[in-house]
N, C-alpha and C. Protein backbone atom coordinates (compact mmCIF):
# COMPACT_ATOMS: atom_id res chain seq x y z
N MET A 1 131.51 156.77 43.00
CA MET A 1 132.02 156.07 41.77
C MET A 1 133.23 155.93 42.29
N TYR A 2 134.03 156.88 41.65
CA TYR A 2 135.35 156.30 42.58
C TYR A 2 135.44 155.51 43.90
N LYS A 3 134.84 155.94 44.84
CA LYS A 3 135.30 155.39 46.16
C LYS A 3 134.88 153.99 45.92
N SER A 4 133.48 153.50 45.53
CA SER A 4 133.08 152.04 44.84
C SER A 4 134.47 151.42 44.37
N VAL A 5 134.69 151.95 43.26
CA VAL A 5 136.08 150.93 42.92
C VAL A 5 136.48 150.94 43.27
N VAL A 6 136.96 152.11 44.21
CA VAL A 6 137.98 151.33 45.22
C VAL A 6 138.53 150.31 46.67
N ILE A 7 136.60 150.03 46.70
CA ILE A 7 136.54 149.45 47.52
C ILE A 7 136.66 148.07 46.89
N LEU A 8 136.04 148.21 45.99
CA LEU A 8 136.00 146.55 45.19
C LEU A 8 137.00 146.00 44.77
N LEU A 9 138.37 146.76 44.54
CA LEU A 9 140.00 146.48 43.82
C LEU A 9 140.16 146.12 44.87
N VAL A 10 140.16 146.55 46.10
CA VAL A 10 140.83 146.10 47.44
C VAL A 10 139.98 144.74 47.98
N SER A 11 138.69 144.56 47.75
CA SER A 11 138.28 143.46 47.99
C SER A 11 138.55 142.41 47.35
N LEU A 12 138.45 142.48 46.36
CA LEU A 12 138.76 141.22 45.02
C LEU A 12 140.52 141.30 45.37
N VAL A 13 141.34 141.94 45.85
CA VAL A 13 142.62 141.64 45.99
C VAL A 13 142.64 140.91 47.30
N SER A 14 142.07 141.24 48.55
CA SER A 14 141.54 140.30 49.80
C SER A 14 140.96 139.59 49.38
N ALA A 15 140.34 138.88 48.84
CA ALA A 15 139.91 137.96 48.00
C ALA A 15 141.19 137.26 47.61
N GLU A 16 142.08 137.28 47.14
CA GLU A 16 142.76 136.78 45.75
C GLU A 16 143.47 135.96 47.37
N PHE A 17 144.31 137.07 48.10
CA PHE A 17 145.47 136.34 49.02
C PHE A 17 144.07 135.84 50.07
N SER A 18 143.64 135.71 50.31
CA SER A 18 143.00 134.82 51.61
C SER A 18 142.92 133.44 51.16
N PHE A 19 142.91 133.42 49.18
CA PHE A 19 142.36 131.94 48.87
C PHE A 19 143.59 131.37 48.78
N SER A 20 144.88 132.22 49.01
CA SER A 20 145.87 131.92 47.84
C SER A 20 147.11 131.31 49.33
N GLN A 21 146.91 130.60 50.33
CA GLN A 21 148.16 130.18 51.08
C GLN A 21 148.28 128.19 51.60
N VAL A 22 149.13 128.45 51.66
CA VAL A 22 150.41 126.79 51.62
C VAL A 22 148.89 126.24 52.33
N LYS A 23 148.77 125.22 52.53
CA LYS A 23 147.64 123.94 52.54
C LYS A 23 148.59 123.36 54.08
N GLN A 24 148.37 123.75 55.44
CA GLN A 24 149.06 122.73 56.76
C GLN A 24 148.21 122.09 57.10
N VAL A 25 148.86 120.30 57.60
CA VAL A 25 148.33 119.48 57.91
C VAL A 25 148.54 119.58 59.38
N LYS A 26 148.26 118.66 60.29
CA LYS A 26 148.20 118.63 61.47
C LYS A 26 149.56 116.95 61.85
N PHE A 27 150.38 116.60 62.62
CA PHE A 27 151.48 115.99 62.81
C PHE A 27 149.90 114.26 62.90
N GLU A 28 149.03 114.22 63.99
CA GLU A 28 148.82 113.90 64.16
C GLU A 28 147.65 113.36 63.05
N GLU A 29 147.30 113.78 61.68
CA GLU A 29 146.95 113.06 60.29
C GLU A 29 147.51 112.73 59.79
N LEU A 30 148.87 112.95 60.15
CA LEU A 30 149.72 112.24 58.89
C LEU A 30 149.58 110.69 58.66
N ASP A 31 149.54 110.19 59.50
CA ASP A 31 149.35 108.65 59.25
C ASP A 31 147.86 108.02 58.07
N SER A 32 147.37 109.31 58.57
CA SER A 32 145.82 108.79 57.73
C SER A 32 145.77 109.03 56.06
N LEU A 33 146.60 110.30 55.94
CA LEU A 33 147.15 111.27 54.96
C LEU A 33 147.96 110.03 54.12
N GLN A 34 149.75 109.85 55.17
CA GLN A 34 150.24 108.92 53.51
C GLN A 34 149.10 107.63 53.19
N ALA A 35 147.99 107.18 54.48
CA ALA A 35 147.63 105.36 54.19
C ALA A 35 147.37 105.64 52.61
N VAL A 36 146.13 106.96 52.40
CA VAL A 36 145.72 107.25 51.34
C VAL A 36 146.26 107.73 50.15
N GLN A 37 147.16 108.74 50.12
CA GLN A 37 148.25 109.38 49.20
C GLN A 37 149.56 109.70 49.92
N PRO A 38 150.82 108.89 49.38
CA PRO A 38 151.89 108.97 50.30
C PRO A 38 152.46 110.16 49.68
N ARG A 39 153.61 111.25 50.40
CA ARG A 39 154.05 112.07 49.26
C ARG A 39 154.89 112.45 50.32
N PRO A 40 156.21 113.66 49.85
CA PRO A 40 157.15 113.87 51.16
C PRO A 40 156.61 114.99 52.20
N VAL A 41 156.98 115.27 53.26
CA VAL A 41 156.66 116.25 54.09
C VAL A 41 157.79 117.01 54.80
N VAL A 42 156.89 118.36 54.39
CA VAL A 42 157.39 119.49 54.65
C VAL A 42 157.86 120.43 56.17
N VAL A 43 158.30 120.65 56.89
CA VAL A 43 158.18 120.31 58.12
C VAL A 43 159.38 122.32 58.67
N PHE A 44 157.99 123.58 58.71
CA PHE A 44 158.75 124.38 58.96
C PHE A 44 158.85 124.77 60.56
N LEU A 45 160.05 124.71 60.93
CA LEU A 45 160.38 124.84 62.90
C LEU A 45 160.52 126.56 62.88
N HIS A 46 159.54 127.03 63.87
CA HIS A 46 159.52 128.38 64.21
C HIS A 46 159.15 128.66 65.83
N THR A 47 159.33 130.46 65.38
CA THR A 47 159.06 131.02 67.09
C THR A 47 158.39 131.92 66.46
N ALA A 48 157.91 132.10 67.57
CA ALA A 48 156.82 133.75 67.63
C ALA A 48 157.39 134.82 67.43
N TRP A 49 158.44 134.41 67.97
CA TRP A 49 159.47 136.07 67.97
C TRP A 49 160.91 136.29 66.78
N CYS A 50 160.49 135.17 66.19
CA CYS A 50 161.98 135.54 64.92
C CYS A 50 161.32 135.91 64.27
N LYS A 51 162.16 137.02 63.93
CA LYS A 51 161.43 137.83 62.31
C LYS A 51 162.20 137.09 61.03
N PHE A 52 162.76 136.40 60.78
CA PHE A 52 163.22 135.80 59.75
C PHE A 52 162.42 134.32 59.74
N CYS A 53 161.14 133.66 60.40
CA CYS A 53 161.52 132.57 60.52
C CYS A 53 159.53 133.86 60.05
N ASN A 54 158.91 135.06 60.89
CA ASN A 54 157.96 135.76 60.28
C ASN A 54 158.46 136.03 58.86
N THR A 55 159.52 136.27 58.30
CA THR A 55 159.67 137.22 56.43
C THR A 55 159.06 135.85 55.77
N MET A 56 160.18 134.74 56.06
CA MET A 56 159.16 133.28 55.91
C MET A 56 158.36 133.45 55.63
N LYS A 57 157.67 133.31 56.34
CA LYS A 57 155.43 133.08 56.33
C LYS A 57 155.38 134.35 55.39
N ASN A 58 155.84 135.70 56.02
CA ASN A 58 155.08 136.55 54.56
C ASN A 58 155.88 136.53 53.15
N THR A 59 156.80 136.24 52.88
CA THR A 59 157.20 136.25 51.40
C THR A 59 157.31 134.41 50.78
N THR A 60 158.43 134.22 51.56
CA THR A 60 158.22 132.51 50.87
C THR A 60 156.82 131.48 50.96
N PHE A 61 156.68 131.54 51.44
CA PHE A 61 155.44 130.58 51.37
C PHE A 61 154.39 131.11 50.98
N LYS A 62 154.25 132.86 50.53
CA LYS A 62 153.28 133.42 49.76
C LYS A 62 153.64 133.18 48.29
N ASN A 63 155.17 132.59 47.95
CA ASN A 63 155.40 132.77 46.65
C ASN A 63 154.51 131.44 46.28
N LYS A 64 153.47 132.25 44.82
CA LYS A 64 152.23 131.13 44.41
C LYS A 64 153.37 129.84 43.97
N GLU A 65 154.37 129.85 42.97
CA GLU A 65 155.35 128.72 42.71
C GLU A 65 155.21 127.52 43.92
N VAL A 66 155.37 128.24 44.99
CA VAL A 66 156.10 127.46 46.36
C VAL A 66 153.98 126.83 47.06
N GLU A 67 153.62 127.75 47.48
CA GLU A 67 152.96 127.03 47.29
C GLU A 67 151.48 126.03 46.70
N ASP A 68 152.01 126.33 45.57
CA ASP A 68 152.01 125.57 44.43
C ASP A 68 152.00 124.01 44.75
N LEU A 69 153.55 123.94 44.57
CA LEU A 69 154.36 123.09 44.48
C LEU A 69 154.26 122.02 46.13
N LEU A 70 154.02 123.70 47.48
CA LEU A 70 153.57 122.69 48.24
C LEU A 70 152.16 121.89 48.49
N ASN A 71 151.35 122.07 48.16
CA ASN A 71 150.28 122.32 48.31
C ASN A 71 149.47 121.54 47.38
N LYS A 72 150.93 120.85 46.26
CA LYS A 72 150.46 119.70 44.96
C LYS A 72 151.23 118.33 45.32
N LYS A 73 152.49 118.59 45.95
CA LYS A 73 152.98 117.28 46.11
C LYS A 73 153.95 117.41 47.46
N PHE A 74 153.71 117.86 48.15
CA PHE A 74 153.75 117.56 49.94
C PHE A 74 152.97 117.84 50.92
N TYR A 75 153.01 117.34 51.75
CA TYR A 75 152.29 117.27 52.92
C TYR A 75 153.00 118.89 54.09
N PHE A 76 152.54 120.30 54.33
CA PHE A 76 153.42 120.95 54.76
C PHE A 76 153.20 121.02 56.35
N LEU A 77 153.78 121.07 57.46
CA LEU A 77 153.81 121.13 58.72
C LEU A 77 154.28 122.63 58.88
N ALA A 78 153.41 123.26 60.22
CA ALA A 78 154.39 124.03 60.69
C ALA A 78 154.18 124.38 61.90
N LEU A 79 155.41 124.22 62.80
CA LEU A 79 155.57 123.49 64.06
C LEU A 79 156.14 124.93 65.11
N ASP A 80 155.72 125.45 65.98
CA ASP A 80 156.21 125.97 66.69
C ASP A 80 157.42 125.47 67.87
N VAL A 81 157.78 125.93 67.28
CA VAL A 81 158.96 125.38 68.49
C VAL A 81 159.15 125.31 70.24
N GLU A 82 158.50 126.39 70.42
CA GLU A 82 157.75 126.78 71.74
C GLU A 82 156.05 126.47 72.25
N GLN A 83 155.56 125.75 71.28
CA GLN A 83 153.85 124.86 71.79
C GLN A 83 154.72 124.50 72.84
N LYS A 84 153.17 124.70 73.52
CA LYS A 84 153.36 123.93 74.91
C LYS A 84 152.11 122.94 74.65
N ASN A 85 151.78 122.30 73.61
CA ASN A 85 150.62 120.90 73.69
C ASN A 85 151.09 120.08 73.44
N ALA A 86 151.10 118.91 73.92
CA ALA A 86 151.79 117.29 73.55
C ALA A 86 150.97 117.28 72.05
N ILE A 87 152.32 116.77 71.53
CA ILE A 87 151.66 116.34 69.90
C ILE A 87 152.09 114.79 69.88
N ALA A 88 150.64 113.53 69.11
CA ALA A 88 150.67 112.46 69.18
C ALA A 88 151.45 112.15 67.96
N PHE A 89 152.46 112.00 68.06
CA PHE A 89 152.61 111.32 65.99
C PHE A 89 153.90 110.29 66.35
N ARG A 90 153.51 109.16 65.57
CA ARG A 90 154.68 108.10 65.20
C ARG A 90 154.29 107.46 67.11
N GLY A 91 153.01 106.90 67.61
CA GLY A 91 152.99 106.48 68.33
C GLY A 91 153.72 106.64 69.90
N HIS A 92 154.31 107.98 69.31
CA HIS A 92 154.81 108.25 70.84
C HIS A 92 153.98 110.28 71.09
N SER A 93 154.02 110.91 72.64
CA SER A 93 153.31 111.92 72.55
C SER A 93 155.07 112.85 73.19
N PHE A 94 154.86 114.06 71.96
CA PHE A 94 155.82 114.47 72.29
C PHE A 94 155.74 115.67 73.19
N LYS A 95 155.99 116.45 74.30
CA LYS A 95 156.07 117.20 74.82
C LYS A 95 156.85 118.23 75.11
N TYR A 96 156.53 119.42 75.44
CA TYR A 96 157.07 120.82 75.28
C TYR A 96 157.85 120.61 77.10
N LYS A 97 159.31 121.09 76.56
CA LYS A 97 160.59 120.86 77.70
C LYS A 97 160.76 122.14 78.35
N PRO A 98 160.65 122.92 79.72
CA PRO A 98 161.12 123.31 80.42
C PRO A 98 162.53 123.80 79.91
N ASN A 99 162.92 124.71 79.58
CA ASN A 99 164.70 124.70 80.54
C ASN A 99 165.03 126.23 80.80
N GLY A 100 164.19 126.55 81.23
CA GLY A 100 163.93 127.72 82.27
C GLY A 100 162.77 128.66 83.05
N THR A 101 162.66 129.67 83.25
CA THR A 101 161.28 129.72 84.01
C THR A 101 160.56 130.32 82.64
N THR A 102 160.31 131.14 81.88
CA THR A 102 160.12 131.41 80.88
C THR A 102 160.20 130.92 79.32
N THR A 103 161.25 129.94 79.29
CA THR A 103 161.45 129.13 77.83
C THR A 103 161.74 127.40 78.13
N GLY A 104 161.51 127.37 76.81
CA GLY A 104 161.83 126.14 76.35
C GLY A 104 161.64 125.85 74.96
N VAL A 105 161.85 124.28 74.26
CA VAL A 105 161.33 124.14 73.17
C VAL A 105 160.26 122.80 73.45
N HIS A 106 160.16 122.06 71.97
CA HIS A 106 158.94 121.35 72.06
C HIS A 106 160.37 119.87 71.89
N GLU A 107 159.60 118.53 72.13
CA GLU A 107 161.30 117.60 71.81
C GLU A 107 160.75 117.44 70.43
N LEU A 108 159.28 117.80 69.97
CA LEU A 108 159.36 117.17 68.03
C LEU A 108 160.48 118.17 67.71
N ALA A 109 160.53 119.29 67.72
CA ALA A 109 161.14 120.36 67.40
C ALA A 109 161.95 119.85 67.59
N GLU A 110 162.93 119.37 68.40
CA GLU A 110 164.43 118.92 69.02
C GLU A 110 164.94 117.32 67.58
N GLN A 111 163.46 116.60 67.97
CA GLN A 111 164.03 115.42 67.03
C GLN A 111 163.92 116.11 65.54
N LEU A 112 162.99 116.55 64.41
CA LEU A 112 162.54 117.42 63.51
C LEU A 112 163.55 117.93 62.99
N GLY A 113 164.21 118.77 63.54
CA GLY A 113 165.08 120.58 63.33
C GLY A 113 166.33 120.23 64.12
N SER A 114 167.12 119.28 64.88
CA SER A 114 168.42 119.50 65.24
C SER A 114 169.42 119.19 63.76
N ILE A 115 170.81 120.25 64.04
CA ILE A 115 171.70 119.70 62.93
C ILE A 115 172.71 119.93 63.46
N GLU A 116 173.68 118.30 63.65
CA GLU A 116 174.46 118.14 65.02
C GLU A 116 174.24 119.06 66.24
N GLY A 117 173.03 119.02 66.76
CA GLY A 117 172.75 118.77 67.85
C GLY A 117 172.44 120.41 68.48
N GLU A 118 172.39 121.40 67.24
CA GLU A 118 172.09 122.89 67.54
C GLU A 118 169.84 122.70 67.07
N LEU A 119 169.46 123.53 67.47
CA LEU A 119 168.09 123.58 67.12
C LEU A 119 168.20 125.16 66.79
N ALA A 120 168.44 125.81 65.11
CA ALA A 120 167.85 126.96 64.62
C ALA A 120 166.92 127.28 64.80
N TYR A 121 166.82 128.80 64.28
CA TYR A 121 165.41 129.48 63.48
C TYR A 121 164.89 130.12 62.49
N PRO A 122 164.35 130.51 61.77
CA PRO A 122 163.44 129.08 61.45
C PRO A 122 164.52 127.31 60.63
N THR A 123 163.97 126.54 60.74
CA THR A 123 164.55 124.82 60.35
C THR A 123 163.21 124.27 59.17
N LEU A 124 164.31 124.56 57.99
CA LEU A 124 162.73 123.12 57.50
C LEU A 124 163.77 121.61 57.59
N SER A 125 162.85 120.65 57.66
CA SER A 125 163.00 119.43 57.38
C SER A 125 162.23 118.94 56.79
N PHE A 126 163.00 118.28 55.76
CA PHE A 126 162.43 116.96 54.86
C PHE A 126 162.40 115.85 55.22
N LEU A 127 161.34 115.55 55.19
CA LEU A 127 161.00 113.52 55.31
C LEU A 127 160.53 112.86 54.38
N ASN A 128 160.88 112.33 53.66
CA ASN A 128 160.05 111.08 52.79
C ASN A 128 159.09 110.66 53.78
N PRO A 129 157.63 109.59 52.50
CA PRO A 129 156.77 109.19 53.27
C PRO A 129 157.02 108.46 54.41
N GLY A 130 158.18 107.62 54.88
CA GLY A 130 158.63 107.29 55.30
C GLY A 130 158.73 107.83 57.26
N TYR A 131 159.20 109.40 56.63
CA TYR A 131 158.85 109.94 57.98
C TYR A 131 160.41 109.70 58.29
N GLU A 132 161.62 109.85 57.17
CA GLU A 132 162.96 109.62 57.76
C GLU A 132 163.41 110.93 56.91
N ILE A 133 164.10 111.57 57.71
CA ILE A 133 164.86 112.63 57.62
C ILE A 133 165.78 112.82 56.27
N ILE A 134 164.92 113.36 55.12
CA ILE A 134 165.67 113.21 53.99
C ILE A 134 167.20 114.64 53.98
N TYR A 135 167.03 115.72 54.21
CA TYR A 135 167.26 117.49 54.13
C TYR A 135 166.90 118.01 55.39
N GLN A 136 167.36 118.83 55.41
CA GLN A 136 167.39 120.12 56.49
C GLN A 136 168.21 120.99 56.49
N ARG A 137 167.38 122.40 56.23
CA ARG A 137 168.15 124.13 56.02
C ARG A 137 168.10 124.36 56.82
N ALA A 138 169.14 125.36 57.56
CA ALA A 138 168.51 126.13 58.81
C ALA A 138 168.57 127.57 58.47
N GLY A 139 167.97 128.68 58.46
CA GLY A 139 167.67 129.95 57.94
C GLY A 139 167.17 130.17 57.24
N PHE A 140 167.31 131.69 56.94
CA PHE A 140 165.93 131.59 56.13
C PHE A 140 166.27 131.45 54.60
N VAL A 141 165.23 130.88 54.29
CA VAL A 141 165.11 130.39 52.86
C VAL A 141 164.49 131.22 51.95
N PRO A 142 164.60 131.98 50.77
CA PRO A 142 163.77 132.54 50.12
C PRO A 142 163.20 131.58 49.06
N ALA A 143 162.52 132.01 48.65
CA ALA A 143 161.14 131.36 47.45
C ALA A 143 161.57 130.41 46.67
N LYS A 144 162.67 131.23 46.00
CA LYS A 144 163.49 130.61 44.88
C LYS A 144 164.76 129.10 44.69
N GLU A 145 165.08 129.02 46.26
CA GLU A 145 166.02 128.32 47.09
C GLU A 145 165.22 127.59 47.43
N LEU A 146 164.00 128.06 47.81
CA LEU A 146 162.68 125.85 48.10
C LEU A 146 162.15 126.07 47.39
N LEU A 147 161.91 126.98 46.03
CA LEU A 147 161.41 126.51 45.11
C LEU A 147 162.31 125.14 44.26
N GLY A 148 163.50 125.41 44.32
CA GLY A 148 164.57 124.10 43.82
C GLY A 148 165.08 122.93 44.77
N ILE A 149 164.56 122.99 45.86
CA ILE A 149 164.36 121.63 46.75
C ILE A 149 164.12 121.36 46.73
N LEU A 150 162.19 121.51 46.93
CA LEU A 150 161.55 121.13 46.44
C LEU A 150 161.48 120.21 44.93
N LYS A 151 161.47 120.63 44.19
CA LYS A 151 162.15 119.80 42.88
C LYS A 151 163.21 118.91 43.65
N LYS A 152 163.70 119.39 43.81
CA LYS A 152 165.02 117.74 43.61
C LYS A 152 163.84 116.84 44.70
N LEU A 153 163.50 117.25 45.33
CA LEU A 153 163.05 116.49 46.66
C LEU A 153 162.41 115.77 45.66
N ASN A 154 161.09 115.92 45.11
CA ASN A 154 160.10 115.50 44.10
C ASN A 154 160.32 114.81 43.90
């Protein structure tokens, strides 16, 4: 009996977490989404090896208030700056640019995430519905701070 109750509780908790997440869209979808319902855009620029990026994924973006606000009022995109696939956006094809034998950066990440000529990880770029950058924030952003930013930009 005890074992089946534990299994039931674990499965209920797992189900709740699996349904609770920020909805991500793709760059290629933005124009059609904006045509139907214009919204500000939040772009999360990250890498697979960045511990602060991974911490934000597992804390900031798992915060229920952050999830709700992003899902209801914004379009959210996550871009791995080392992604090698080309991305079509705003009539241009952005590509990965190698800068060493095993390193490189995506052109779109440079366009959206560079602050004073530097690209740091993680970076959040906030765009208006016309895709103009209205604010950028480099470094780890805790949920409380992100909520404040989102509420000001909405």
